[in-house]
Amino acid sequence: MSEGSKLVLDVTDDTFKEKVIDCDVPVLVDFWAPWCGPCRMVGPVVAEIAEQYEGQIQVFKVNTDENPQVASQYGIRSIPTLMIFKGGQRVDMVVGAVPKTTLATTLEKYL
């Protein structure tokens, strides 16, 4: 289920390394689940960020219910958790439903 942006793609346990870790631009990953209210609130914000930074970053969503391996690998305890990866490393994270400005400010540091 995507929140209306073709720029926000799903990534799974199987494709995470290829799409996120091996990516040559900064990556924003939204760890979410369908039953999570705050996740649904942050979905449109993530879509707006994807559009605002199109060409500069990649944006992916990970359904933590369907992809427990990646969630557990990165110690996801509460969702939504938004992680920023650069050069294959997790460089930052934001937990909870945050305003677009907060997310943009965090991302700007890595562009």
PDB file of N, CA and C in Angstrom:
ATOM      1  N   MET A   1       0.842  -1.186   0.000  1.00  0.00           N
ATOM      2  CA  MET A   1       0.000   0.000   0.000  1.00  0.00           C
ATOM      3  C   MET A   1       0.887   1.249   0.000  1.00  0.00           C
ATOM      4  N   SER A   2       0.787   2.047  -1.004  1.00  0.00           N
ATOM      5  CA  SER A   2       1.604   3.252  -1.009  1.00  0.00           C
ATOM      6  C   SER A   2       0.693   4.453  -0.847  1.00  0.00           C
ATOM      7  N   GLU A   3       1.226   5.499  -0.243  1.00  0.00           N
ATOM      8  CA  GLU A   3       0.424   6.677   0.068  1.00  0.00           C
ATOM      9  C   GLU A   3       0.417   7.656  -1.099  1.00  0.00           C
ATOM     10  N   GLY A   4       0.250   7.152  -2.302  1.00  0.00           N
ATOM     11  CA  GLY A   4       0.024   8.035  -3.422  1.00  0.00           C
ATOM     12  C   GLY A   4       1.241   8.568  -4.139  1.00  0.00           C
ATOM     13  N   SER A   5       2.446   8.157  -3.748  1.00  0.00           N
ATOM     14  CA  SER A   5       3.608   8.632  -4.494  1.00  0.00           C
ATOM     15  C   SER A   5       4.307   7.459  -5.152  1.00  0.00           C
ATOM     16  N   LYS A   6       4.511   7.586  -6.464  1.00  0.00           N
ATOM     17  CA  LYS A   6       5.220   6.522  -7.176  1.00  0.00           C
ATOM     18  C   LYS A   6       6.705   6.553  -6.841  1.00  0.00           C
ATOM     19  N   LEU A   7       7.147   7.567  -6.104  1.00  0.00           N
ATOM     20  CA  LEU A   7       8.551   7.693  -5.733  1.00  0.00           C
ATOM     21  C   LEU A   7       8.885   6.938  -4.458  1.00  0.00           C
ATOM     22  N   VAL A   8       7.844   6.511  -3.716  1.00  0.00           N
ATOM     23  CA  VAL A   8       8.066   5.749  -2.486  1.00  0.00           C
ATOM     24  C   VAL A   8       7.823   4.283  -2.806  1.00  0.00           C
ATOM     25  N   LEU A   9       8.895   3.511  -2.811  1.00  0.00           N
ATOM     26  CA  LEU A   9       8.816   2.112  -3.214  1.00  0.00           C
ATOM     27  C   LEU A   9       8.923   1.189  -2.007  1.00  0.00           C
ATOM     28  N   ASP A  10       8.305   0.011  -2.144  1.00  0.00           N
ATOM     29  CA  ASP A  10       8.410  -0.977  -1.075  1.00  0.00           C
ATOM     30  C   ASP A  10       9.736  -1.710  -1.192  1.00  0.00           C
ATOM     31  N   VAL A  11      10.313  -2.022  -0.041  1.00  0.00           N
ATOM     32  CA  VAL A  11      11.526  -2.823  -0.004  1.00  0.00           C
ATOM     33  C   VAL A  11      11.285  -3.933   1.014  1.00  0.00           C
ATOM     34  N   THR A  12      11.892  -5.094   0.790  1.00  0.00           N
ATOM     35  CA  THR A  12      11.652  -6.267   1.638  1.00  0.00           C
ATOM     36  C   THR A  12      12.965  -6.753   2.246  1.00  0.00           C
ATOM     37  N   ASP A  13      12.856  -7.750   3.119  1.00  0.00           N
ATOM     38  CA  ASP A  13      14.057  -8.376   3.679  1.00  0.00           C
ATOM     39  C   ASP A  13      15.007  -8.792   2.557  1.00  0.00           C
ATOM     40  N   ASP A  14      14.428  -9.345   1.478  1.00  0.00           N
ATOM     41  CA  ASP A  14      15.236  -9.876   0.373  1.00  0.00           C
ATOM     42  C   ASP A  14      15.884  -8.794  -0.480  1.00  0.00           C
ATOM     43  N   THR A  15      15.244  -7.638  -0.597  1.00  0.00           N
ATOM     44  CA  THR A  15      15.761  -6.607  -1.502  1.00  0.00           C
ATOM     45  C   THR A  15      16.444  -5.447  -0.775  1.00  0.00           C
ATOM     46  N   PHE A  16      16.457  -5.488   0.558  1.00  0.00           N
ATOM     47  CA  PHE A  16      16.966  -4.361   1.338  1.00  0.00           C
ATOM     48  C   PHE A  16      18.424  -4.034   1.019  1.00  0.00           C
ATOM     49  N   LYS A  17      19.281  -5.054   0.996  1.00  0.00           N
ATOM     50  CA  LYS A  17      20.702  -4.790   0.741  1.00  0.00           C
ATOM     51  C   LYS A  17      20.899  -4.172  -0.642  1.00  0.00           C
ATOM     52  N   GLU A  18      20.286  -4.771  -1.635  1.00  0.00           N
ATOM     53  CA  GLU A  18      20.442  -4.307  -3.013  1.00  0.00           C
ATOM     54  C   GLU A  18      19.928  -2.876  -3.197  1.00  0.00           C
ATOM     55  N   LYS A  19      18.739  -2.587  -2.644  1.00  0.00           N
ATOM     56  CA  LYS A  19      18.116  -1.285  -2.888  1.00  0.00           C
ATOM     57  C   LYS A  19      18.580  -0.189  -1.945  1.00  0.00           C
ATOM     58  N   VAL A  20      18.848  -0.532  -0.686  1.00  0.00           N
ATOM     59  CA  VAL A  20      19.181   0.488   0.310  1.00  0.00           C
ATOM     60  C   VAL A  20      20.686   0.566   0.573  1.00  0.00           C
ATOM     61  N   ILE A  21      21.268  -0.555   0.977  1.00  0.00           N
ATOM     62  CA  ILE A  21      22.678  -0.570   1.366  1.00  0.00           C
ATOM     63  C   ILE A  21      23.589  -0.255   0.179  1.00  0.00           C
ATOM     64  N   ASP A  22      23.268  -0.804  -0.994  1.00  0.00           N
ATOM     65  CA  ASP A  22      24.119  -0.604  -2.169  1.00  0.00           C
ATOM     66  C   ASP A  22      23.781   0.655  -2.976  1.00  0.00           C
ATOM     67  N   CYS A  23      22.850   1.459  -2.498  1.00  0.00           N
ATOM     68  CA  CYS A  23      22.425   2.652  -3.232  1.00  0.00           C
ATOM     69  C   CYS A  23      23.508   3.730  -3.181  1.00  0.00           C
ATOM     70  N   ASP A  24      23.699   4.433  -4.297  1.00  0.00           N
ATOM     71  CA  ASP A  24      24.766   5.445  -4.316  1.00  0.00           C
ATOM     72  C   ASP A  24      24.303   6.849  -3.952  1.00  0.00           C
ATOM     73  N   VAL A  25      23.034   7.009  -3.603  1.00  0.00           N
ATOM     74  CA  VAL A  25      22.553   8.292  -3.075  1.00  0.00           C
ATOM     75  C   VAL A  25      21.978   8.029  -1.682  1.00  0.00           C
ATOM     76  N   PRO A  26      21.804   9.087  -0.871  1.00  0.00           N
ATOM     77  CA  PRO A  26      21.193   8.883   0.451  1.00  0.00           C
ATOM     78  C   PRO A  26      19.800   8.241   0.314  1.00  0.00           C
ATOM     79  N   VAL A  27      19.453   7.412   1.287  1.00  0.00           N
ATOM     80  CA  VAL A  27      18.184   6.688   1.256  1.00  0.00           C
ATOM     81  C   VAL A  27      17.410   6.959   2.546  1.00  0.00           C
ATOM     82  N   LEU A  28      16.115   7.270   2.378  1.00  0.00           N
ATOM     83  CA  LEU A  28      15.213   7.398   3.520  1.00  0.00           C
ATOM     84  C   LEU A  28      14.348   6.152   3.547  1.00  0.00           C
ATOM     85  N   VAL A  29      14.344   5.450   4.679  1.00  0.00           N
ATOM     86  CA  VAL A  29      13.535   4.238   4.806  1.00  0.00           C
ATOM     87  C   VAL A  29      12.486   4.451   5.896  1.00  0.00           C
ATOM     88  N   ASP A  30      11.233   4.242   5.524  1.00  0.00           N
ATOM     89  CA  ASP A  30      10.097   4.369   6.435  1.00  0.00           C
ATOM     90  C   ASP A  30       9.703   2.969   6.901  1.00  0.00           C
ATOM     91  N   PHE A  31       9.990   2.650   8.174  1.00  0.00           N
ATOM     92  CA  PHE A  31       9.565   1.374   8.755  1.00  0.00           C
ATOM     93  C   PHE A  31       8.163   1.586   9.314  1.00  0.00           C
ATOM     94  N   TRP A  32       7.183   0.808   8.823  1.00  0.00           N
ATOM     95  CA  TRP A  32       5.784   1.026   9.145  1.00  0.00           C
ATOM     96  C   TRP A  32       5.035  -0.304   9.212  1.00  0.00           C
ATOM     97  N   ALA A  33       3.764  -0.243   9.602  1.00  0.00           N
ATOM     98  CA  ALA A  33       2.855  -1.396   9.554  1.00  0.00           C
ATOM     99  C   ALA A  33       1.441  -0.872   9.294  1.00  0.00           C
ATOM    100  N   PRO A  34       0.617  -1.683   8.618  1.00  0.00           N
ATOM    101  CA  PRO A  34      -0.730  -1.242   8.239  1.00  0.00           C
ATOM    102  C   PRO A  34      -1.631  -0.878   9.424  1.00  0.00           C
ATOM    103  N   TRP A  35      -1.418  -1.485  10.585  1.00  0.00           N
ATOM    104  CA  TRP A  35      -2.285  -1.261  11.744  1.00  0.00           C
ATOM    105  C   TRP A  35      -1.876  -0.033  12.561  1.00  0.00           C
ATOM    106  N   CYS A  36      -0.781   0.612  12.176  1.00  0.00           N
ATOM    107  CA  CYS A  36      -0.188   1.689  12.971  1.00  0.00           C
ATOM    108  C   CYS A  36      -0.730   3.053  12.542  1.00  0.00           C
ATOM    109  N   GLY A  37      -1.507   3.689  13.416  1.00  0.00           N
ATOM    110  CA  GLY A  37      -2.104   4.991  13.125  1.00  0.00           C
ATOM    111  C   GLY A  37      -1.087   6.075  12.790  1.00  0.00           C
ATOM    112  N   PRO A  38      -0.061   6.279  13.649  1.00  0.00           N
ATOM    113  CA  PRO A  38       0.952   7.290  13.348  1.00  0.00           C
ATOM    114  C   PRO A  38       1.679   7.026  12.022  1.00  0.00           C
ATOM    115  N   CYS A  39       1.806   5.745  11.653  1.00  0.00           N
ATOM    116  CA  CYS A  39       2.444   5.406  10.367  1.00  0.00           C
ATOM    117  C   CYS A  39       1.614   5.967   9.210  1.00  0.00           C
ATOM    118  N   ARG A  40       0.301   5.862   9.340  1.00  0.00           N
ATOM    119  CA  ARG A  40      -0.572   6.387   8.287  1.00  0.00           C
ATOM    120  C   ARG A  40      -0.498   7.908   8.232  1.00  0.00           C
ATOM    121  N   MET A  41      -0.243   8.541   9.373  1.00  0.00           N
ATOM    122  CA  MET A  41      -0.104   9.995   9.399  1.00  0.00           C
ATOM    123  C   MET A  41       1.199  10.436   8.727  1.00  0.00           C
ATOM    124  N   VAL A  42       2.261   9.672   8.917  1.00  0.00           N
ATOM    125  CA  VAL A  42       3.572  10.068   8.388  1.00  0.00           C
ATOM    126  C   VAL A  42       3.727   9.676   6.904  1.00  0.00           C
ATOM    127  N   GLY A  43       2.891   8.751   6.426  1.00  0.00           N
ATOM    128  CA  GLY A  43       2.973   8.298   5.028  1.00  0.00           C
ATOM    129  C   GLY A  43       2.950   9.429   4.008  1.00  0.00           C
ATOM    130  N   PRO A  44       1.958  10.331   4.094  1.00  0.00           N
ATOM    131  CA  PRO A  44       1.904  11.448   3.145  1.00  0.00           C
ATOM    132  C   PRO A  44       3.103  12.392   3.253  1.00  0.00           C
ATOM    133  N   VAL A  45       3.642  12.546   4.471  1.00  0.00           N
ATOM    134  CA  VAL A  45       4.827  13.386   4.682  1.00  0.00           C
ATOM    135  C   VAL A  45       6.022  12.773   3.951  1.00  0.00           C
ATOM    136  N   VAL A  46       6.163  11.454   4.075  1.00  0.00           N
ATOM    137  CA  VAL A  46       7.249  10.742   3.398  1.00  0.00           C
ATOM    138  C   VAL A  46       7.102  10.897   1.882  1.00  0.00           C
ATOM    139  N   ALA A  47       5.868  10.815   1.387  1.00  0.00           N
ATOM    140  CA  ALA A  47       5.623  10.985  -0.049  1.00  0.00           C
ATOM    141  C   ALA A  47       6.008  12.393  -0.512  1.00  0.00           C
ATOM    142  N   GLU A  48       5.696  13.410   0.304  1.00  0.00           N
ATOM    143  CA  GLU A  48       6.058  14.789  -0.041  1.00  0.00           C
ATOM    144  C   GLU A  48       7.570  14.967  -0.064  1.00  0.00           C
ATOM    145  N   ILE A  49       8.248  14.364   0.900  1.00  0.00           N
ATOM    146  CA  ILE A  49       9.714  14.432   0.954  1.00  0.00           C
ATOM    147  C   ILE A  49      10.302  13.781  -0.300  1.00  0.00           C
ATOM    148  N   ALA A  50       9.739  12.636  -0.696  1.00  0.00           N
ATOM    149  CA  ALA A  50      10.222  11.926  -1.891  1.00  0.00           C
ATOM    150  C   ALA A  50      10.118  12.822  -3.118  1.00  0.00           C
ATOM    151  N   GLU A  51       9.018  13.560  -3.207  1.00  0.00           N
ATOM    152  CA  GLU A  51       8.829  14.440  -4.355  1.00  0.00           C
ATOM    153  C   GLU A  51       9.736  15.672  -4.275  1.00  0.00           C
ATOM    154  N   GLN A  52       9.871  16.221  -3.073  1.00  0.00           N
ATOM    155  CA  GLN A  52      10.690  17.419  -2.890  1.00  0.00           C
ATOM    156  C   GLN A  52      12.166  17.148  -3.221  1.00  0.00           C
ATOM    157  N   TYR A  53      12.638  15.949  -2.870  1.00  0.00           N
ATOM    158  CA  TYR A  53      14.051  15.628  -3.068  1.00  0.00           C
ATOM    159  C   TYR A  53      14.278  14.637  -4.212  1.00  0.00           C
ATOM    160  N   GLU A  54      13.325  14.573  -5.127  1.00  0.00           N
ATOM    161  CA  GLU A  54      13.443  13.647  -6.255  1.00  0.00           C
ATOM    162  C   GLU A  54      14.768  13.879  -6.976  1.00  0.00           C
ATOM    163  N   GLY A  55      15.486  12.774  -7.263  1.00  0.00           N
ATOM    164  CA  GLY A  55      16.763  12.884  -7.944  1.00  0.00           C
ATOM    165  C   GLY A  55      17.935  13.016  -6.980  1.00  0.00           C
ATOM    166  N   GLN A  56      17.653  13.385  -5.730  1.00  0.00           N
ATOM    167  CA  GLN A  56      18.726  13.530  -4.739  1.00  0.00           C
ATOM    168  C   GLN A  56      18.770  12.366  -3.755  1.00  0.00           C
ATOM    169  N   ILE A  57      17.599  11.777  -3.502  1.00  0.00           N
ATOM    170  CA  ILE A  57      17.515  10.651  -2.565  1.00  0.00           C
ATOM    171  C   ILE A  57      16.602   9.571  -3.132  1.00  0.00           C
ATOM    172  N   GLN A  58      16.671   8.386  -2.523  1.00  0.00           N
ATOM    173  CA  GLN A  58      15.714   7.311  -2.788  1.00  0.00           C
ATOM    174  C   GLN A  58      14.876   7.158  -1.521  1.00  0.00           C
ATOM    175  N   VAL A  59      13.606   6.823  -1.686  1.00  0.00           N
ATOM    176  CA  VAL A  59      12.731   6.639  -0.524  1.00  0.00           C
ATOM    177  C   VAL A  59      12.061   5.265  -0.618  1.00  0.00           C
ATOM    178  N   PHE A  60      12.161   4.512   0.477  1.00  0.00           N
ATOM    179  CA  PHE A  60      11.569   3.182   0.529  1.00  0.00           C
ATOM    180  C   PHE A  60      10.734   3.029   1.792  1.00  0.00           C
ATOM    181  N   LYS A  61       9.761   2.097   1.730  1.00  0.00           N
ATOM    182  CA  LYS A  61       8.960   1.723   2.896  1.00  0.00           C
ATOM    183  C   LYS A  61       9.206   0.248   3.188  1.00  0.00           C
ATOM    184  N   VAL A  62       9.315  -0.072   4.463  1.00  0.00           N
ATOM    185  CA  VAL A  62       9.440  -1.467   4.887  1.00  0.00           C
ATOM    186  C   VAL A  62       8.268  -1.784   5.802  1.00  0.00           C
ATOM    187  N   ASN A  63       7.421  -2.727   5.389  1.00  0.00           N
ATOM    188  CA  ASN A  63       6.335  -3.209   6.240  1.00  0.00           C
ATOM    189  C   ASN A  63       6.967  -4.147   7.272  1.00  0.00           C
ATOM    190  N   THR A  64       7.025  -3.712   8.531  1.00  0.00           N
ATOM    191  CA  THR A  64       7.738  -4.481   9.557  1.00  0.00           C
ATOM    192  C   THR A  64       7.055  -5.809   9.888  1.00  0.00           C
ATOM    193  N   ASP A  65       5.743  -5.900   9.632  1.00  0.00           N
ATOM    194  CA  ASP A  65       5.046  -7.169   9.855  1.00  0.00           C
ATOM    195  C   ASP A  65       5.510  -8.219   8.850  1.00  0.00           C
ATOM    196  N   GLU A  66       5.709  -7.787   7.613  1.00  0.00           N
ATOM    197  CA  GLU A  66       6.077  -8.719   6.544  1.00  0.00           C
ATOM    198  C   GLU A  66       7.582  -8.917   6.422  1.00  0.00           C
ATOM    199  N   ASN A  67       8.361  -8.016   7.019  1.00  0.00           N
ATOM    200  CA  ASN A  67       9.821  -8.061   6.885  1.00  0.00           C
ATOM    201  C   ASN A  67      10.511  -7.897   8.234  1.00  0.00           C
ATOM    202  N   PRO A  68      10.302  -8.896   9.121  1.00  0.00           N
ATOM    203  CA  PRO A  68      10.827  -8.781  10.481  1.00  0.00           C
ATOM    204  C   PRO A  68      12.362  -8.815  10.545  1.00  0.00           C
ATOM    205  N   GLN A  69      12.996  -9.402   9.544  1.00  0.00           N
ATOM    206  CA  GLN A  69      14.450  -9.548   9.553  1.00  0.00           C
ATOM    207  C   GLN A  69      15.149  -8.192   9.561  1.00  0.00           C
ATOM    208  N   VAL A  70      14.783  -7.321   8.624  1.00  0.00           N
ATOM    209  CA  VAL A  70      15.398  -5.998   8.541  1.00  0.00           C
ATOM    210  C   VAL A  70      15.051  -5.176   9.773  1.00  0.00           C
ATOM    211  N   ALA A  71      13.780  -5.237  10.197  1.00  0.00           N
ATOM    212  CA  ALA A  71      13.343  -4.487  11.381  1.00  0.00           C
ATOM    213  C   ALA A  71      14.161  -4.887  12.600  1.00  0.00           C
ATOM    214  N   SER A  72      14.384  -6.178  12.761  1.00  0.00           N
ATOM    215  CA  SER A  72      15.124  -6.645  13.923  1.00  0.00           C
ATOM    216  C   SER A  72      16.615  -6.328  13.779  1.00  0.00           C
ATOM    217  N   GLN A  73      17.131  -6.389  12.573  1.00  0.00           N
ATOM    218  CA  GLN A  73      18.544  -6.075  12.323  1.00  0.00           C
ATOM    219  C   GLN A  73      18.876  -4.645  12.753  1.00  0.00           C
ATOM    220  N   TYR A  74      17.923  -3.736  12.540  1.00  0.00           N
ATOM    221  CA  TYR A  74      18.159  -2.340  12.894  1.00  0.00           C
ATOM    222  C   TYR A  74      17.506  -1.934  14.218  1.00  0.00           C
ATOM    223  N   GLY A  75      17.054  -2.933  14.972  1.00  0.00           N
ATOM    224  CA  GLY A  75      16.534  -2.677  16.313  1.00  0.00           C
ATOM    225  C   GLY A  75      15.295  -1.802  16.354  1.00  0.00           C
ATOM    226  N   ILE A  76      14.400  -1.990  15.380  1.00  0.00           N
ATOM    227  CA  ILE A  76      13.171  -1.202  15.349  1.00  0.00           C
ATOM    228  C   ILE A  76      12.267  -1.668  16.488  1.00  0.00           C
ATOM    229  N   ARG A  77      12.025  -0.781  17.440  1.00  0.00           N
ATOM    230  CA  ARG A  77      11.166  -1.127  18.568  1.00  0.00           C
ATOM    231  C   ARG A  77       9.819  -0.419  18.491  1.00  0.00           C
ATOM    232  N   SER A  78       9.800   0.750  17.871  1.00  0.00           N
ATOM    233  CA  SER A  78       8.518   1.439  17.716  1.00  0.00           C
ATOM    234  C   SER A  78       8.437   1.998  16.306  1.00  0.00           C
ATOM    235  N   ILE A  79       7.225   2.045  15.796  1.00  0.00           N
ATOM    236  CA  ILE A  79       7.021   2.565  14.453  1.00  0.00           C
ATOM    237  C   ILE A  79       6.022   3.705  14.522  1.00  0.00           C
ATOM    238  N   PRO A  80       6.058   4.659  13.597  1.00  0.00           N
ATOM    239  CA  PRO A  80       7.006   4.676  12.488  1.00  0.00           C
ATOM    240  C   PRO A  80       8.415   5.067  12.934  1.00  0.00           C
ATOM    241  N   THR A  81       9.400   4.436  12.298  1.00  0.00           N
ATOM    242  CA  THR A  81      10.792   4.840  12.449  1.00  0.00           C
ATOM    243  C   THR A  81      11.289   5.161  11.055  1.00  0.00           C
ATOM    244  N   LEU A  82      11.876   6.330  10.887  1.00  0.00           N
ATOM    245  CA  LEU A  82      12.432   6.744   9.602  1.00  0.00           C
ATOM    246  C   LEU A  82      13.941   6.746   9.743  1.00  0.00           C
ATOM    247  N   MET A  83      14.613   5.971   8.904  1.00  0.00           N
ATOM    248  CA  MET A  83      16.073   5.905   8.965  1.00  0.00           C
ATOM    249  C   MET A  83      16.679   6.464   7.696  1.00  0.00           C
ATOM    250  N   ILE A  84      17.823   7.113   7.862  1.00  0.00           N
ATOM    251  CA  ILE A  84      18.553   7.638   6.720  1.00  0.00           C
ATOM    252  C   ILE A  84      19.840   6.830   6.590  1.00  0.00           C
ATOM    253  N   PHE A  85      20.054   6.323   5.377  1.00  0.00           N
ATOM    254  CA  PHE A  85      21.263   5.562   5.073  1.00  0.00           C
ATOM    255  C   PHE A  85      22.076   6.332   4.050  1.00  0.00           C
ATOM    256  N   LYS A  86      23.396   6.311   4.219  1.00  0.00           N
ATOM    257  CA  LYS A  86      24.274   6.934   3.230  1.00  0.00           C
ATOM    258  C   LYS A  86      25.522   6.076   3.145  1.00  0.00           C
ATOM    259  N   GLY A  87      25.895   5.725   1.928  1.00  0.00           N
ATOM    260  CA  GLY A  87      27.076   4.878   1.744  1.00  0.00           C
ATOM    261  C   GLY A  87      26.955   3.540   2.447  1.00  0.00           C
ATOM    262  N   GLY A  88      25.724   3.017   2.512  1.00  0.00           N
ATOM    263  CA  GLY A  88      25.514   1.704   3.112  1.00  0.00           C
ATOM    264  C   GLY A  88      25.418   1.706   4.622  1.00  0.00           C
ATOM    265  N   GLN A  89      25.557   2.862   5.249  1.00  0.00           N
ATOM    266  CA  GLN A  89      25.507   2.954   6.709  1.00  0.00           C
ATOM    267  C   GLN A  89      24.280   3.730   7.163  1.00  0.00           C
ATOM    268  N   ARG A  90      23.725   3.319   8.289  1.00  0.00           N
ATOM    269  CA  ARG A  90      22.652   4.117   8.894  1.00  0.00           C
ATOM    270  C   ARG A  90      23.311   5.336   9.519  1.00  0.00           C
ATOM    271  N   VAL A  91      22.911   6.525   9.064  1.00  0.00           N
ATOM    272  CA  VAL A  91      23.547   7.748   9.566  1.00  0.00           C
ATOM    273  C   VAL A  91      22.642   8.548  10.495  1.00  0.00           C
ATOM    274  N   ASP A  92      21.343   8.286  10.446  1.00  0.00           N
ATOM    275  CA  ASP A  92      20.436   9.035  11.312  1.00  0.00           C
ATOM    276  C   ASP A  92      19.094   8.322  11.374  1.00  0.00           C
ATOM    277  N   MET A  93      18.277   8.708  12.357  1.00  0.00           N
ATOM    278  CA  MET A  93      16.929   8.163  12.425  1.00  0.00           C
ATOM    279  C   MET A  93      16.006   9.113  13.168  1.00  0.00           C
ATOM    280  N   VAL A  94      14.728   9.030  12.821  1.00  0.00           N
ATOM    281  CA  VAL A  94      13.694   9.826  13.464  1.00  0.00           C
ATOM    282  C   VAL A  94      12.589   8.843  13.844  1.00  0.00           C
ATOM    283  N   VAL A  95      12.193   8.861  15.110  1.00  0.00           N
ATOM    284  CA  VAL A  95      11.149   7.944  15.568  1.00  0.00           C
ATOM    285  C   VAL A  95       9.861   8.717  15.816  1.00  0.00           C
ATOM    286  N   GLY A  96       8.754   8.161  15.325  1.00  0.00           N
ATOM    287  CA  GLY A  96       7.454   8.771  15.547  1.00  0.00           C
ATOM    288  C   GLY A  96       7.008   9.609  14.355  1.00  0.00           C
ATOM    289  N   ALA A  97       5.759  10.046  14.404  1.00  0.00           N
ATOM    290  CA  ALA A  97       5.205  10.873  13.340  1.00  0.00           C
ATOM    291  C   ALA A  97       5.701  12.299  13.551  1.00  0.00           C
ATOM    292  N   VAL A  98       6.578  12.747  12.667  1.00  0.00           N
ATOM    293  CA  VAL A  98       7.161  14.083  12.803  1.00  0.00           C
ATOM    294  C   VAL A  98       6.687  14.986  11.672  1.00  0.00           C
ATOM    295  N   PRO A  99       6.731  16.300  11.886  1.00  0.00           N
ATOM    296  CA  PRO A  99       6.362  17.220  10.815  1.00  0.00           C
ATOM    297  C   PRO A  99       7.369  17.146   9.664  1.00  0.00           C
ATOM    298  N   LYS A 100       6.914  17.540   8.496  1.00  0.00           N
ATOM    299  CA  LYS A 100       7.766  17.512   7.308  1.00  0.00           C
ATOM    300  C   LYS A 100       9.046  18.323   7.514  1.00  0.00           C
ATOM    301  N   THR A 101       8.938  19.468   8.193  1.00  0.00           N
ATOM    302  CA  THR A 101      10.112  20.325   8.403  1.00  0.00           C
ATOM    303  C   THR A 101      11.202  19.591   9.190  1.00  0.00           C
ATOM    304  N   THR A 102      10.795  18.829  10.204  1.00  0.00           N
ATOM    305  CA  THR A 102      11.750  18.078  11.017  1.00  0.00           C
ATOM    306  C   THR A 102      12.486  17.058  10.152  1.00  0.00           C
ATOM    307  N   LEU A 103      11.725  16.347   9.353  1.00  0.00           N
ATOM    308  CA  LEU A 103      12.305  15.321   8.488  1.00  0.00           C
ATOM    309  C   LEU A 103      13.231  15.947   7.443  1.00  0.00           C
ATOM    310  N   ALA A 104      12.801  17.041   6.849  1.00  0.00           N
ATOM    311  CA  ALA A 104      13.600  17.731   5.835  1.00  0.00           C
ATOM    312  C   ALA A 104      14.918  18.226   6.426  1.00  0.00           C
ATOM    313  N   THR A 105      14.849  18.812   7.625  1.00  0.00           N
ATOM    314  CA  THR A 105      16.049  19.319   8.292  1.00  0.00           C
ATOM    315  C   THR A 105      17.033  18.189   8.558  1.00  0.00           C
ATOM    316  N   THR A 106      16.536  17.054   9.007  1.00  0.00           N
ATOM    317  CA  THR A 106      17.385  15.896   9.280  1.00  0.00           C
ATOM    318  C   THR A 106      18.041  15.412   7.990  1.00  0.00           C
ATOM    319  N   LEU A 107      17.257  15.324   6.918  1.00  0.00           N
ATOM    320  CA  LEU A 107      17.763  14.855   5.630  1.00  0.00           C
ATOM    321  C   LEU A 107      18.818  15.776   5.017  1.00  0.00           C
ATOM    322  N   GLU A 108      18.605  17.082   5.156  1.00  0.00           N
ATOM    323  CA  GLU A 108      19.480  18.084   4.545  1.00  0.00           C
ATOM    324  C   GLU A 108      20.942  17.868   4.921  1.00  0.00           C
ATOM    325  N   LYS A 109      21.172  17.357   6.140  1.00  0.00           N
ATOM    326  CA  LYS A 109      22.541  17.156   6.623  1.00  0.00           C
ATOM    327  C   LYS A 109      23.322  16.168   5.774  1.00  0.00           C
ATOM    328  N   TYR A 110      22.614  15.329   5.017  1.00  0.00           N
ATOM    329  CA  TYR A 110      23.276  14.229   4.308  1.00  0.00           C
ATOM    330  C   TYR A 110      23.264  14.395   2.797  1.00  0.00           C
ATOM    331  N   LEU A 111      22.753  15.528   2.298  1.00  0.00           N
ATOM    332  CA  LEU A 111      22.687  15.736   0.858  1.00  0.00           C
ATOM    333  C   LEU A 111      23.960  16.385   0.331  1.00  0.00           C
TER     334      LEU A 111
END
